Protein backbone atom coordinates (compact mmCIF):
# COMPACT_ATOMS: atom_id res chain seq x y z
CA MET A 1 89.87 -9.08 -53.66
CA LYS A 2 90.70 -8.24 -49.85
CA ILE A 3 93.83 -8.66 -48.94
CA TYR A 4 93.95 -8.61 -44.41
CA GLY A 5 96.11 -7.46 -42.38
CA SER A 6 98.02 -4.60 -39.96
CA PHE A 7 98.61 -1.50 -40.71
CA THR A 8 102.53 -1.40 -38.59
CA SER A 9 103.98 -5.16 -40.83
CA PRO A 10 105.95 -3.91 -43.07
CA PHE A 11 105.06 -7.23 -45.22
CA VAL A 12 101.75 -6.08 -45.16
CA ARG A 13 103.03 -2.60 -46.16
CA HIS A 14 104.58 -3.50 -49.33
CA CYS A 15 101.17 -5.56 -50.41
CA ARG A 16 99.48 -2.26 -49.65
CA ILE A 17 101.79 0.07 -51.81
CA ALA A 18 102.54 -2.18 -54.48
CA LEU A 19 98.37 -2.83 -54.83
CA LEU A 20 98.23 1.45 -55.11
CA GLU A 21 101.45 1.36 -57.76
CA THR A 22 99.44 -0.66 -60.12
CA ASP A 23 95.99 0.93 -59.38
CA ILE A 24 93.87 -2.82 -59.21
CA PHE A 25 91.34 -2.53 -56.44
CA CYS A 26 91.68 -4.42 -53.37
CA GLU A 27 89.83 -4.15 -50.12
CA PHE A 28 92.09 -3.39 -46.67
CA ILE A 29 90.85 -5.47 -43.95
CA GLU A 30 92.62 -4.46 -41.01
CA ILE A 31 92.91 -7.97 -38.14
CA ASP A 32 94.93 -8.52 -35.40
CA PRO A 33 97.09 -10.95 -34.18
CA ALA A 34 94.29 -13.13 -33.06
CA GLN A 35 92.48 -12.49 -36.11
CA SER A 36 94.44 -13.36 -38.63
CA ALA A 37 95.83 -17.44 -36.53
CA GLN A 38 92.23 -18.07 -37.04
CA MET A 39 91.30 -16.46 -40.42
CA SER A 40 95.47 -18.33 -41.77
CA PRO A 41 97.03 -21.93 -41.47
CA THR A 42 100.33 -20.00 -41.69
CA LYS A 43 98.88 -17.53 -38.20
CA LYS A 44 100.07 -14.16 -40.02
CA VAL A 45 99.47 -11.36 -41.87
CA PRO A 46 99.37 -10.63 -44.93
CA LEU A 47 96.21 -12.69 -46.26
CA LEU A 48 94.77 -12.04 -50.07
CA VAL A 49 91.54 -13.50 -51.32
CA ASP A 50 90.56 -12.71 -54.82
CA GLY A 51 87.53 -15.20 -55.48
CA ASP A 52 88.71 -18.69 -55.21
CA LEU A 53 92.21 -17.91 -54.48
CA THR A 54 94.03 -17.16 -51.90
CA LEU A 55 97.52 -16.46 -50.41
CA THR A 56 99.44 -16.76 -47.34
CA ASP A 57 102.35 -14.97 -48.00
CA SER A 58 104.20 -11.41 -48.73
CA SER A 59 106.01 -12.87 -51.74
CA SER A 60 103.24 -14.55 -53.55
CA ILE A 61 100.72 -11.72 -52.61
CA LEU A 62 103.40 -9.44 -54.56
CA ARG A 63 103.78 -11.53 -57.88
CA TYR A 64 100.31 -11.44 -57.45
CA ILE A 65 99.59 -8.22 -57.92
CA ARG A 66 102.74 -7.64 -60.00
CA GLU A 67 101.60 -10.82 -62.72
CA LYS A 68 97.83 -8.85 -62.92
CA SER A 69 99.09 -5.28 -63.41
CA GLY A 70 101.17 -7.02 -66.19
CA SER A 71 104.57 -6.18 -64.46
CA PRO A 72 107.17 -8.69 -63.66
CA PHE A 73 107.91 -8.99 -60.38
CA LEU A 74 111.54 -9.52 -59.31
CA PRO A 75 113.16 -9.94 -62.73
CA GLU A 76 116.77 -9.26 -61.49
CA LEU A 77 118.62 -11.58 -59.57
CA LEU A 78 120.19 -8.85 -57.77
CA ASP A 79 117.10 -7.17 -56.60
CA PHE A 80 115.66 -10.54 -55.63
CA GLU A 81 119.09 -11.20 -53.14
CA LEU A 82 118.20 -7.82 -52.07
CA PHE A 83 114.94 -8.66 -51.45
CA ASN A 84 115.54 -12.25 -49.73
CA MET A 85 117.80 -11.10 -47.55
CA THR A 86 116.40 -8.39 -46.15
CA ASN A 87 113.49 -11.03 -45.12
CA THR A 88 115.84 -12.76 -43.49
CA VAL A 89 117.06 -10.08 -41.23
CA MET A 90 113.15 -8.60 -40.97
CA ASP A 91 111.93 -12.02 -40.12
CA ALA A 92 115.02 -11.90 -37.66
CA CYS A 93 113.83 -9.12 -35.91
CA VAL A 94 110.25 -9.27 -35.91
CA ASN A 95 110.84 -12.30 -33.90
CA ILE A 96 112.78 -10.50 -31.03
CA PHE A 97 110.17 -8.35 -31.43
CA TYR A 98 107.61 -10.16 -30.69
CA LEU A 99 108.98 -12.19 -28.48
CA GLU A 100 109.98 -9.64 -26.39
CA LYS A 101 106.52 -8.12 -26.73
CA PHE A 102 104.02 -11.26 -26.13
CA ASP A 103 106.37 -13.99 -24.02
CA ASN A 104 108.75 -11.20 -22.05
CA ILE A 105 112.01 -13.38 -24.05
CA THR A 106 114.67 -10.74 -24.31
CA VAL A 107 118.20 -11.50 -25.80
CA GLU A 108 119.62 -11.19 -22.72
CA LYS A 109 117.62 -14.73 -21.56
CA SER A 110 118.23 -16.22 -25.05
CA SER A 111 120.86 -17.52 -26.71
CA TYR A 112 118.45 -18.30 -29.95
CA LEU A 113 117.93 -14.28 -29.37
CA THR A 114 121.30 -13.22 -29.56
CA ARG A 115 122.31 -15.06 -32.45
CA GLN A 116 118.66 -13.59 -33.98
CA LYS A 117 120.14 -9.95 -32.80
CA ALA A 118 123.62 -10.59 -34.45
CA ARG A 119 121.88 -11.81 -37.33
CA VAL A 120 120.04 -8.13 -37.79
CA LEU A 121 123.12 -5.92 -37.45
CA SER A 122 124.85 -8.22 -39.78
CA GLY A 123 122.79 -8.11 -42.14
CA LEU A 124 122.09 -4.35 -41.44
CA GLU A 125 125.84 -3.92 -42.24
CA ALA A 126 126.60 -5.70 -45.52
CA LEU A 127 122.59 -4.55 -46.65
CA ASN A 128 124.22 -0.37 -45.52
CA GLU A 129 127.28 -2.23 -48.40
CA ALA A 130 125.15 -3.42 -51.18
CA GLU A 131 125.36 -1.19 -53.99
CA LEU A 132 121.40 0.34 -53.63
CA SER A 133 120.37 2.43 -56.62
CA VAL A 134 118.35 4.29 -54.67
CA GLN A 135 115.59 6.56 -57.32
CA LEU A 136 112.09 7.13 -57.65
CA PRO A 137 110.26 4.14 -58.65
CA LEU A 138 111.95 1.86 -56.24
CA THR A 139 112.29 -1.84 -56.56
CA ASP A 140 110.05 -4.78 -54.93
CA GLY A 141 113.55 -4.96 -53.27
CA LEU A 142 114.33 -1.82 -52.14
CA THR A 143 110.69 -1.32 -51.37
CA ARG A 144 110.65 -4.71 -49.58
CA LEU A 145 114.20 -2.90 -47.41
CA ALA A 146 112.64 0.23 -47.02
CA CYS A 147 109.57 -1.20 -45.32
CA PHE A 148 111.45 -2.75 -43.20
CA LEU A 149 114.15 0.09 -42.42
CA ASP A 150 110.65 2.10 -41.77
CA TRP A 151 109.02 -0.84 -39.21
CA GLY A 152 112.53 -1.15 -37.90
CA ILE A 153 112.43 2.81 -36.87
CA TYR A 154 109.12 2.76 -35.63
CA ARG A 155 109.00 -0.36 -33.30
CA ASP A 156 112.58 1.01 -32.12
CA ARG A 157 114.05 -2.12 -33.71
CA ILE A 158 117.36 -0.63 -34.93
CA CYS A 159 119.43 2.38 -35.21
CA LEU A 160 120.45 3.69 -38.88
CA LYS A 161 123.11 5.90 -37.42
CA LYS A 162 125.54 4.50 -39.08
CA LEU A 163 124.66 3.31 -42.21
CA THR A 164 124.52 5.95 -44.50
CA ASN A 165 122.90 4.13 -47.46
CA LEU A 166 120.00 2.58 -45.84
CA THR A 167 119.61 6.02 -44.48
CA ARG A 168 119.31 7.97 -48.03
CA LEU A 169 116.75 4.57 -48.59
CA LEU A 170 114.91 5.16 -46.50
CA ASP A 171 115.15 9.30 -46.67
CA VAL A 172 114.10 8.86 -50.65
CA ALA A 173 110.97 5.87 -49.89
CA ARG A 174 109.57 8.97 -47.51
CA THR A 175 109.03 11.15 -50.35
CA ASP A 176 106.92 8.80 -52.23
CA LYS A 177 103.67 8.80 -52.21
CA ASN A 178 102.39 5.27 -52.01
CA PHE A 179 104.90 4.91 -49.35
CA ILE A 180 103.78 7.86 -47.31
CA LYS A 181 99.80 7.17 -48.45
CA THR A 182 100.82 3.94 -46.29
CA VAL A 183 102.79 4.70 -42.78
CA PRO A 184 101.71 3.26 -39.91
CA PRO A 185 99.60 5.01 -37.41
CA ILE A 186 101.21 6.65 -34.28
CA ASN A 187 99.72 4.70 -31.88
CA GLY A 188 99.90 1.47 -33.65
């Protein structure tokens, strides 16, 4: 089994954490955006290949990893909602990041990005107000959120200054051995 991705992607990081939690052997192969565009029909990472099976989305990859290890994937409705809400906010944040990085389109230049930024801010506030049972081991919903928060800080995309519940979640996540093992490199 092989998983392709980048060390900095929060989507890939969540899959790497799940693999470490389950002790399933999987070779990690780092690829860049150009390579992912060639390898994946969705032109994004992660991409998992296990024999004849190819999965192109982190959600299906996580489900596959969990089920392969005999664990359920997102069995609780509210954790599933947390996972999906985080995906929505993270997708908006990642879109802003890549449009600024590769196309020099900033929020100030785009009404679409202005709406995306508002989605990120209101989403973070709502996530901060959610009832987060923060203790290890983290659920997949909480792990997804922690991966996003850490990526957002790493890429200087978000500030948690007034978001105390989210700060507390990230503080707890940063004590988890698998979260620590998957920290992106400093120069990423």
